[in-house]
C-alpha atoms as a PDB file:
ATOM      1  CA  MET A   1    -154.660 -27.444 183.692  1.00  0.00           C
ATOM      2  CA  VAL A   2    -151.809 -27.229 186.947  1.00  0.00           C
ATOM      3  CA  LEU A   3    -148.092 -29.001 186.236  1.00  0.00           C
ATOM      4  CA  GLN A   4    -147.616 -31.274 188.791  1.00  0.00           C
ATOM      5  CA  ASP A   5    -144.197 -32.170 188.221  1.00  0.00           C
ATOM      6  CA  VAL A   6    -141.418 -29.439 186.731  1.00  0.00           C
ATOM      7  CA  GLY A   7    -140.148 -32.131 184.125  1.00  0.00           C
ATOM      8  CA  GLN A   8    -143.372 -31.104 182.605  1.00  0.00           C
ATOM      9  CA  LEU A   9    -142.618 -27.837 181.541  1.00  0.00           C
ATOM     10  CA  ASN A  10    -140.034 -29.167 178.603  1.00  0.00           C
ATOM     11  CA  LYS A  11    -142.850 -31.540 177.133  1.00  0.00           C
ATOM     12  CA  PRO A  12    -144.548 -29.638 174.086  1.00  0.00           C
ATOM     13  CA  LEU A  13    -148.268 -29.171 174.468  1.00  0.00           C
ATOM     14  CA  SER A  14    -151.006 -31.003 172.617  1.00  0.00           C
ATOM     15  CA  LYS A  15    -153.678 -28.580 170.139  1.00  0.00           C
ATOM     16  CA  THR A  16    -155.922 -28.984 173.593  1.00  0.00           C
ATOM     17  CA  GLU A  17    -153.389 -28.305 176.213  1.00  0.00           C
ATOM     18  CA  TYR A  18    -152.773 -24.942 173.891  1.00  0.00           C
ATOM     19  CA  GLN A  19    -156.271 -24.068 173.911  1.00  0.00           C
ATOM     20  CA  GLN A  20    -156.631 -24.432 177.556  1.00  0.00           C
ATOM     21  CA  LEU A  21    -153.808 -22.836 178.300  1.00  0.00           C
ATOM     22  CA  LEU A  22    -155.304 -19.854 176.589  1.00  0.00           C
ATOM     23  CA  GLY A  23    -158.475 -20.295 177.854  1.00  0.00           C
ATOM     24  CA  LEU A  24    -159.974 -20.891 174.588  1.00  0.00           C
ATOM     25  CA  ASN A  25    -161.578 -24.105 175.978  1.00  0.00           C
ATOM     26  CA  GLN A  26    -164.745 -22.000 176.241  1.00  0.00           C
ATOM     27  CA  ILE A  27    -165.329 -21.724 172.220  1.00  0.00           C
ATOM     28  CA  ASN A  28    -168.500 -22.660 171.231  1.00  0.00           C
ATOM     29  CA  ARG A  29    -167.351 -25.766 169.018  1.00  0.00           C
ATOM     30  CA  ASN A  30    -171.093 -25.539 167.264  1.00  0.00           C
ATOM     31  CA  ASP A  31    -170.461 -21.846 166.367  1.00  0.00           C
ATOM     32  CA  SER A  32    -169.938 -21.259 162.662  1.00  0.00           C
ATOM     33  CA  SER A  33    -167.999 -17.860 163.318  1.00  0.00           C
ATOM     34  CA  ALA A  34    -165.572 -19.493 165.839  1.00  0.00           C
ATOM     35  CA  THR A  35    -161.889 -19.769 164.733  1.00  0.00           C
ATOM     36  CA  SER A  36    -159.102 -22.169 166.013  1.00  0.00           C
ATOM     37  CA  VAL A  37    -156.393 -20.981 167.218  1.00  0.00           C
ATOM     38  CA  ILE A  38    -153.804 -22.589 164.869  1.00  0.00           C
ATOM     39  CA  GLU A  39    -154.989 -21.438 161.538  1.00  0.00           C
ATOM     40  CA  ARG A  40    -152.990 -20.353 158.403  1.00  0.00           C
ATOM     41  CA  PRO A  41    -151.855 -16.658 158.378  1.00  0.00           C
ATOM     42  CA  ARG A  42    -153.257 -13.906 156.110  1.00  0.00           C
ATOM     43  CA  MET A  43    -151.355 -13.481 153.145  1.00  0.00           C
ATOM     44  CA  ASP A  44    -153.359 -10.000 152.160  1.00  0.00           C
ATOM     45  CA  GLY A  45    -150.378  -7.862 153.727  1.00  0.00           C
ATOM     46  CA  LEU A  46    -148.043  -8.990 151.205  1.00  0.00           C
ATOM     47  CA  LEU A  47    -149.799  -9.792 148.126  1.00  0.00           C
ATOM     48  CA  LEU A  48    -150.620  -5.919 148.456  1.00  0.00           C
ATOM     49  CA  ALA A  49    -147.488  -4.955 149.016  1.00  0.00           C
ATOM     50  CA  GLY A  50    -145.752  -6.654 146.100  1.00  0.00           C
ATOM     51  CA  LEU A  51    -148.629  -5.087 143.887  1.00  0.00           C
ATOM     52  CA  ILE A  52    -147.571  -1.681 144.996  1.00  0.00           C
ATOM     53  CA  LEU A  53    -144.230  -2.681 143.926  1.00  0.00           C
ATOM     54  CA  ILE A  54    -144.842  -3.576 141.090  1.00  0.00           C
ATOM     55  CA  LEU A  55    -147.182  -0.486 140.092  1.00  0.00           C
ATOM     56  CA  LEU A  56    -144.184   1.321 141.400  1.00  0.00           C
ATOM     57  CA  PHE A  57    -142.067  -0.325 139.002  1.00  0.00           C
ATOM     58  CA  ILE A  58    -144.348   0.132 136.140  1.00  0.00           C
ATOM     59  CA  TYR A  59    -145.256   3.719 137.103  1.00  0.00           C
ATOM     60  CA  PHE A  60    -141.069   4.400 136.754  1.00  0.00           C
ATOM     61  CA  ILE A  61    -140.604   2.468 133.730  1.00  0.00           C
ATOM     62  CA  PRO A  62    -139.625   6.002 131.564  1.00  0.00           C
ATOM     63  CA  ALA A  63    -137.297   7.098 134.502  1.00  0.00           C
ATOM     64  CA  TYR A  64    -135.568   3.957 134.552  1.00  0.00           C
ATOM     65  CA  LEU A  65    -134.963   3.877 130.669  1.00  0.00           C
ATOM     66  CA  ALA A  66    -133.731   7.297 131.137  1.00  0.00           C
ATOM     67  CA  TYR A  67    -131.364   6.653 133.651  1.00  0.00           C
ATOM     68  CA  TRP A  68    -130.009   3.659 131.612  1.00  0.00           C
ATOM     69  CA  SER A  69    -129.859   5.062 128.163  1.00  0.00           C
ATOM     70  CA  ASP A  70    -127.833   8.422 130.042  1.00  0.00           C
ATOM     71  CA  HIS A  71    -130.875  10.501 128.623  1.00  0.00           C
ATOM     72  CA  PRO A  72    -129.425  13.975 128.778  1.00  0.00           C
ATOM     73  CA  GLN A  73    -133.140  15.268 130.153  1.00  0.00           C
ATOM     74  CA  ARG A  74    -132.866  12.867 131.974  1.00  0.00           C
ATOM     75  CA  HIS A  75    -133.534  14.348 135.287  1.00  0.00           C
ATOM     76  CA  TRP A  76    -136.935  16.389 133.726  1.00  0.00           C
ATOM     77  CA  ILE A  77    -137.906  13.224 132.556  1.00  0.00           C
ATOM     78  CA  PHE A  78    -138.132  11.514 136.754  1.00  0.00           C
ATOM     79  CA  VAL A  79    -139.765  14.762 137.369  1.00  0.00           C
ATOM     80  CA  CYS A  80    -142.476  14.962 134.932  1.00  0.00           C
ATOM     81  CA  ASN A  81    -143.131  10.882 135.867  1.00  0.00           C
ATOM     82  CA  LEU A  82    -142.949  11.690 139.064  1.00  0.00           C
ATOM     83  CA  PHE A  83    -145.348  14.861 139.376  1.00  0.00           C
ATOM     84  CA  ALA A  84    -147.540  13.725 136.600  1.00  0.00           C
ATOM     85  CA  GLY A  85    -147.338  10.646 135.592  1.00  0.00           C
ATOM     86  CA  ALA A  86    -150.512   9.536 137.022  1.00  0.00           C
ATOM     87  CA  THR A  87    -152.496  11.475 134.726  1.00  0.00           C
ATOM     88  CA  ILE A  88    -150.732   8.494 131.399  1.00  0.00           C
ATOM     89  CA  ILE A  89    -151.230  10.733 128.794  1.00  0.00           C
ATOM     90  CA  VAL A  90    -148.041  12.533 130.561  1.00  0.00           C
ATOM     91  CA  TRP A  91    -146.641   8.822 131.316  1.00  0.00           C
ATOM     92  CA  ILE A  92    -146.785   8.140 128.018  1.00  0.00           C
ATOM     93  CA  ILE A  93    -145.133  11.536 126.306  1.00  0.00           C
ATOM     94  CA  CYS A  94    -142.260  10.523 128.715  1.00  0.00           C
ATOM     95  CA  MET A  95    -141.997   7.030 127.441  1.00  0.00           C
ATOM     96  CA  ILE A  96    -142.079   8.847 123.438  1.00  0.00           C
ATOM     97  CA  TRP A  97    -139.476  11.137 125.261  1.00  0.00           C
ATOM     98  CA  VAL A  98    -137.417   8.331 125.707  1.00  0.00           C
ATOM     99  CA  LEU A  99    -137.767   6.385 123.248  1.00  0.00           C
ATOM    100  CA  THR A 100    -137.079   8.891 120.871  1.00  0.00           C
ATOM    101  CA  TYR A 101    -133.682   9.510 122.209  1.00  0.00           C
ATOM    102  CA  ASP A 102    -130.756   8.615 119.844  1.00  0.00           C
ATOM    103  CA  ASP A 103    -127.465   8.517 121.347  1.00  0.00           C
ATOM    104  CA  SER A 104    -125.776   8.363 118.112  1.00  0.00           C
ATOM    105  CA  LYS A 105    -126.239  12.097 117.102  1.00  0.00           C
ATOM    106  CA  ASP A 106    -124.808  12.691 120.655  1.00  0.00           C
ATOM    107  CA  SER A 107    -121.426  10.561 120.022  1.00  0.00           C
ATOM    108  CA  GLU A 108    -120.694  12.072 116.328  1.00  0.00           C
ATOM    109  CA  ALA A 109    -121.525  15.403 117.884  1.00  0.00           C
ATOM    110  CA  GLN A 110    -118.503  14.787 120.603  1.00  0.00           C
ATOM    111  CA  THR A 111    -116.076  13.582 117.681  1.00  0.00           C
END
């Protein structure tokens, strides 16, 4: 395909002109492995990133709760959660450690 006129440069290309420009017109149309030029972008990477973010949020729930409740041992809970939370038993222990904290005892001791 050769452009005859400079005015054709501003004209949008059709799908067949686009394929000719890229040299894709030689693809055998009967070949089932041939892919079209215009296809939906794959969303696998985006789904994987979303899944990783959700799993990280779930993994660090004990640390989030410890910091949110201003737990006195929140730094230790975070360290235990970070390095051993994947063992599930340590994750459960960290969760119990956070949830059994009673801040009313702490406020009574200050008065």
